[in-house]
Amino acid sequence: MAITADSTIAELLRQKPESAQVLFRFGMGCLGCAIANNETIREAAMVHGIPLEEMLAALGIQE
């Protein structure tokens, strides 16, 4: 399954564990918390005030 902005953080980390370092750089330190299981990459970017396009580019995700 392709990772998109609407994939959850948990899905992203399962498929691309190296993405954790990218998320940490954006200040997302709670990758193992319960919210990460259901929060999408899009939602996480919004909540953390990160431009979605910037986060997707850093993660190597094409939207």
Protein backbone atom coordinates (compact mmCIF):
# COMPACT_ATOMS: atom_id res chain seq x y z
CA MET A 1 0.00 0.00 0.00
CA ALA A 2 1.34 3.42 -0.95
CA ILE A 3 1.83 5.94 1.83
CA THR A 4 -0.08 9.19 1.31
CA ALA A 5 -0.90 12.24 3.42
CA ASP A 6 -3.99 10.36 4.56
CA SER A 7 -2.03 7.37 5.88
CA THR A 8 -1.65 7.18 9.63
CA ILE A 9 1.63 7.87 11.39
CA ALA A 10 1.59 4.22 12.51
CA GLU A 11 1.25 3.01 8.89
CA LEU A 12 4.09 5.28 7.84
CA LEU A 13 6.39 3.97 10.57
CA ARG A 14 5.54 0.34 9.81
CA GLN A 15 6.38 0.75 6.13
CA LYS A 16 9.20 3.28 6.46
CA PRO A 17 10.72 3.06 9.97
CA GLU A 18 13.46 5.49 8.92
CA SER A 19 10.74 8.16 8.76
CA ALA A 20 10.91 8.47 12.56
CA GLN A 21 14.05 10.59 12.24
CA VAL A 22 12.31 12.95 9.81
CA LEU A 23 9.32 13.30 12.13
CA PHE A 24 11.62 13.97 15.10
CA ARG A 25 13.25 16.80 13.13
CA PHE A 26 9.81 18.36 12.76
CA GLY A 27 9.33 18.21 16.54
CA MET A 28 7.04 15.20 16.59
CA GLY A 29 8.44 13.30 19.55
CA CYS A 30 5.47 11.16 20.55
CA LEU A 31 5.50 8.66 17.71
CA GLY A 32 4.54 5.72 19.90
CA CYS A 33 1.59 7.38 21.59
CA ALA A 34 -1.98 6.20 21.08
CA ILE A 35 -2.81 9.17 18.87
CA ALA A 36 -0.21 8.08 16.30
CA ASN A 37 -2.23 4.93 15.65
CA ASN A 38 -5.14 6.93 14.22
CA GLU A 39 -3.68 10.33 13.32
CA THR A 40 -2.93 10.85 9.65
CA ILE A 41 0.20 12.54 8.36
CA ARG A 42 -2.04 15.39 7.17
CA GLU A 43 -3.60 15.80 10.63
CA ALA A 44 -0.22 15.62 12.36
CA ALA A 45 1.18 18.35 10.12
CA MET A 46 -1.81 20.57 10.87
CA VAL A 47 -1.70 19.99 14.63
CA HIS A 48 2.04 20.67 14.78
CA GLY A 49 1.87 23.72 12.49
CA ILE A 50 4.04 22.13 9.81
CA PRO A 51 3.39 22.87 6.13
CA LEU A 52 2.07 19.60 4.72
CA GLU A 53 4.01 19.89 1.46
CA GLU A 54 7.26 20.39 3.38
CA MET A 55 6.65 17.34 5.55
CA LEU A 56 5.67 15.15 2.60
CA ALA A 57 8.78 16.20 0.67
CA ALA A 58 11.01 15.42 3.65
CA LEU A 59 9.35 12.00 3.97
CA GLY A 60 9.70 11.32 0.25
CA ILE A 61 5.93 11.09 -0.25
CA GLN A 62 4.35 12.27 -3.47
CA GLU A 63 0.82 13.62 -3.14
